[in-house]
Protein backbone atom coordinates (compact mmCIF):
# COMPACT_ATOMS: atom_id res chain seq x y z
CA MET A 1 -37.15 -206.15 25.95
CA ALA A 2 -33.80 -205.42 24.44
CA GLY A 3 -31.93 -207.79 22.22
CA THR A 4 -34.14 -207.83 19.13
CA GLY A 5 -31.43 -207.19 16.56
CA GLY A 6 -30.50 -203.77 17.88
CA PHE A 7 -34.12 -202.73 18.34
CA ASP A 8 -35.49 -201.95 21.75
CA ALA A 9 -39.08 -203.17 22.19
CA VAL A 10 -40.18 -199.59 22.86
CA GLY A 11 -38.33 -198.42 19.76
CA PHE A 12 -41.00 -199.20 17.20
CA ASP A 13 -44.40 -197.88 16.22
CA ALA A 14 -47.17 -200.02 14.75
CA VAL A 15 -49.60 -199.29 11.94
CA LEU A 16 -52.70 -201.47 11.72
CA LEU A 17 -54.62 -201.28 8.46
CA ALA A 18 -58.24 -201.55 9.61
CA GLY A 19 -60.19 -199.82 6.87
CA GLY A 20 -61.03 -201.11 3.45
CA ARG A 21 -64.32 -202.26 2.06
CA ALA A 22 -64.23 -205.92 3.21
CA ARG A 23 -66.28 -206.93 0.17
CA ARG A 24 -65.83 -210.66 0.75
CA PHE A 25 -66.52 -210.31 4.45
CA GLY A 26 -69.71 -208.26 4.14
CA ALA A 27 -69.35 -206.33 7.42
CA ASP A 28 -66.86 -204.35 9.51
CA LYS A 29 -64.20 -207.06 9.47
CA PRO A 30 -61.74 -205.58 12.04
CA ALA A 31 -64.62 -205.27 14.54
CA ALA A 32 -65.67 -208.90 14.10
CA PRO A 33 -65.34 -210.93 17.30
CA VAL A 34 -63.25 -214.08 17.47
CA GLY A 35 -62.10 -215.82 20.63
CA GLY A 36 -63.55 -213.12 22.89
CA ARG A 37 -61.80 -210.19 21.15
CA THR A 38 -62.28 -208.26 17.96
CA LEU A 39 -59.83 -208.94 15.14
CA VAL A 40 -58.31 -205.47 15.54
CA GLU A 41 -57.74 -206.16 19.25
CA TRP A 42 -55.83 -209.34 18.39
CA ALA A 43 -53.62 -207.39 15.99
CA ALA A 44 -53.06 -204.66 18.59
CA ALA A 45 -52.11 -207.27 21.20
CA ALA A 46 -49.40 -208.58 18.85
CA VAL A 47 -47.74 -205.14 18.90
CA ALA A 48 -48.30 -204.44 22.58
CA GLY A 49 -44.68 -203.27 22.85
CA ALA A 50 -45.13 -200.47 20.31
CA SER A 51 -44.36 -196.93 21.41
CA ARG A 52 -47.27 -195.73 19.32
CA LEU A 53 -50.25 -197.62 17.88
CA ILE A 54 -51.73 -196.10 14.73
CA VAL A 55 -54.97 -197.56 13.39
CA VAL A 56 -55.97 -196.62 9.86
CA GLY A 57 -59.72 -196.94 9.50
CA PRO A 58 -62.93 -195.82 11.15
CA ARG A 59 -62.87 -195.06 14.86
CA ARG A 60 -63.86 -198.01 17.00
CA ASP A 61 -64.23 -197.97 20.77
CA VAL A 62 -62.03 -201.01 21.43
CA LEU A 63 -58.59 -199.29 21.27
CA PRO A 64 -58.97 -195.99 23.14
CA ASP A 65 -55.22 -195.23 23.26
CA ALA A 66 -54.64 -195.66 19.53
CA VAL A 67 -54.05 -192.80 17.12
CA VAL A 68 -56.83 -193.21 14.55
CA VAL A 69 -56.47 -191.84 11.03
CA ARG A 70 -58.28 -192.41 7.73
CA GLU A 71 -56.90 -193.01 4.28
CA ASP A 72 -57.97 -190.55 1.59
CA PRO A 73 -60.45 -191.41 0.28
CA PRO A 74 -61.72 -193.90 2.88
CA GLY A 75 -61.56 -197.45 1.55
CA ALA A 76 -58.99 -196.50 -1.12
CA GLY A 77 -56.77 -199.50 -0.41
CA PRO A 78 -53.61 -200.46 1.43
CA VAL A 79 -51.18 -198.02 -0.22
CA PRO A 80 -53.19 -194.87 0.68
CA ALA A 81 -53.83 -196.41 4.11
CA LEU A 82 -50.11 -196.99 4.63
CA ARG A 83 -49.42 -193.42 3.54
CA ALA A 84 -51.92 -192.10 6.12
CA GLY A 85 -50.60 -194.30 8.90
CA LEU A 86 -46.94 -193.62 8.17
CA ALA A 87 -47.56 -189.88 8.53
CA GLU A 88 -48.16 -190.54 12.26
CA VAL A 89 -45.11 -192.76 12.83
CA ARG A 90 -42.35 -191.29 15.01
CA ALA A 91 -40.08 -194.29 15.56
CA GLY A 92 -37.31 -195.41 13.23
CA THR A 93 -38.96 -198.81 12.79
CA VAL A 94 -42.60 -199.54 12.05
CA VAL A 95 -44.52 -202.79 12.23
CA LEU A 96 -47.16 -202.91 9.50
CA LEU A 97 -50.06 -205.30 10.02
CA ALA A 98 -53.47 -206.07 8.66
CA ALA A 99 -56.11 -205.90 11.37
CA ASP A 100 -57.38 -209.42 10.68
CA LEU A 101 -54.56 -211.63 11.97
CA PRO A 102 -55.96 -213.45 15.02
CA PHE A 103 -52.99 -215.82 15.45
CA LEU A 104 -50.17 -213.27 15.26
CA ARG A 105 -48.44 -212.93 18.63
CA PRO A 106 -45.77 -210.66 20.14
CA ALA A 107 -43.18 -213.43 19.63
CA HIS A 108 -43.82 -213.28 15.86
CA VAL A 109 -43.39 -209.51 15.88
CA ALA A 110 -40.16 -209.91 17.88
CA SER A 111 -38.92 -212.36 15.24
CA LEU A 112 -39.60 -209.81 12.51
CA LEU A 113 -37.82 -207.06 14.44
CA HIS A 114 -34.86 -209.32 15.08
CA ALA A 115 -34.66 -210.45 11.45
CA VAL A 116 -34.40 -206.95 10.00
CA GLY A 117 -30.74 -206.53 10.95
CA GLU A 118 -29.38 -204.08 8.38
CA ARG A 119 -32.09 -204.85 5.82
CA PRO A 120 -34.90 -202.44 4.91
CA GLY A 121 -37.59 -204.73 6.27
CA ALA A 122 -38.79 -208.19 7.17
CA VAL A 123 -42.04 -209.96 6.27
CA LEU A 124 -43.69 -213.17 7.29
CA VAL A 125 -44.10 -215.86 4.67
CA ASP A 126 -46.90 -218.40 4.59
CA GLU A 127 -46.53 -222.18 4.39
CA ASP A 128 -45.94 -221.90 0.62
CA GLY A 129 -43.22 -219.26 1.01
CA ARG A 130 -45.39 -216.35 -0.20
CA GLU A 131 -44.67 -212.97 1.35
CA GLN A 132 -47.41 -211.63 3.57
CA TRP A 133 -47.05 -207.93 2.89
CA LEU A 134 -49.41 -207.00 5.73
CA ALA A 135 -47.36 -208.82 8.37
CA GLY A 136 -43.97 -207.17 8.45
CA CYS A 137 -41.69 -204.57 9.92
CA TRP A 138 -39.80 -201.85 8.10
CA ARG A 139 -37.33 -199.07 8.58
CA THR A 140 -39.51 -195.99 8.59
CA ALA A 141 -37.19 -193.89 6.39
CA VAL A 142 -37.09 -196.63 3.74
CA LEU A 143 -40.89 -196.83 3.63
CA ARG A 144 -41.24 -193.07 3.39
CA ALA A 145 -38.74 -192.94 0.52
CA ALA A 146 -40.51 -195.78 -1.30
CA LEU A 147 -43.91 -194.11 -0.90
CA ASP A 148 -42.63 -190.73 -2.07
CA GLY A 149 -44.04 -190.42 -5.55
CA TYR A 150 -45.13 -194.08 -5.78
CA PRO A 151 -48.01 -194.00 -8.29
CA GLY A 152 -49.18 -197.61 -7.94
CA GLU A 153 -51.88 -199.25 -5.90
CA SER A 154 -50.13 -202.56 -5.23
CA LEU A 155 -48.58 -203.12 -1.83
CA ARG A 156 -46.44 -205.87 -3.37
CA GLY A 157 -45.32 -203.41 -6.05
CA LEU A 158 -44.29 -200.95 -3.35
CA LEU A 159 -42.69 -203.31 -0.83
CA GLY A 160 -41.32 -206.13 -3.01
CA PRO A 161 -38.52 -204.07 -4.59
CA LEU A 162 -37.27 -203.20 -1.08
CA ASP A 163 -36.00 -206.80 -0.86
CA PRO A 164 -37.06 -207.57 2.71
CA VAL A 165 -35.78 -210.58 4.58
CA THR A 166 -38.43 -213.27 4.91
CA VAL A 167 -39.40 -214.92 8.17
CA ALA A 168 -41.14 -218.29 8.27
CA PRO A 169 -42.93 -218.77 11.56
CA PRO A 170 -43.00 -222.29 13.00
CA PRO A 171 -45.69 -224.43 11.35
CA GLY A 172 -48.77 -225.21 13.34
CA ALA A 173 -52.53 -225.29 13.48
CA ARG A 174 -52.62 -221.54 14.19
CA PRO A 175 -50.45 -219.96 11.46
CA ALA A 176 -49.34 -216.41 12.30
CA TRP A 177 -50.06 -215.23 8.76
CA TYR A 178 -53.68 -216.50 8.73
CA ASP A 179 -56.08 -213.71 7.86
CA CYS A 180 -59.86 -213.64 7.99
CA ASP A 181 -61.17 -212.40 4.64
CA THR A 182 -64.49 -214.25 4.77
CA PRO A 183 -67.01 -215.24 7.45
CA GLU A 184 -65.96 -218.84 6.86
CA GLN A 185 -62.32 -218.01 7.63
CA LEU A 186 -63.44 -216.19 10.78
CA ALA A 187 -65.43 -219.26 11.86
CA ALA A 188 -62.39 -221.45 11.23
CA ALA A 189 -60.26 -219.12 13.37
CA GLU A 190 -62.84 -219.29 16.15
CA ARG A 191 -62.59 -223.07 16.16
CA LEU A 192 -58.80 -222.91 16.42
CA LEU A 193 -58.61 -220.38 19.25
């Protein structure tokens, strides 16, 4: 699938952040089923065109072809998880996603890839215009440079200064940026699928 702003569909890797403590969820959130798939399977399906799929978190049997790595220490948060995942990226562009986005589709990822142009990255925004830092794509070299020596724990603090282009997906009942942080949000997603 050529024609995505100079990016070939096989020219990107994907990093899914599927670790964390899921305190509000109370269980292994990425392994939670919704609509006949686990949340992490939905996220992986959105990046089906990736050359390499890297999952940061515990090994699960649902994605046998994924490269699985752990952040150090496990559950340390999104910045250490990104650092661990990025170490496995080979492509010049990387799609960075949370593993709890059941409504994100390949068309949304293609929109992000297309929007990057010459910018360092692109992120989805929600209905209120807020950046969704765990639904974006980035130039790998830019992310590596930003992470080099970054002492903070905030993903917004790391990615915000990179001034990514924002992408607003079409409004609808199944927003691409919708994440499942609680069992109630998972139940709502199940009703919408």
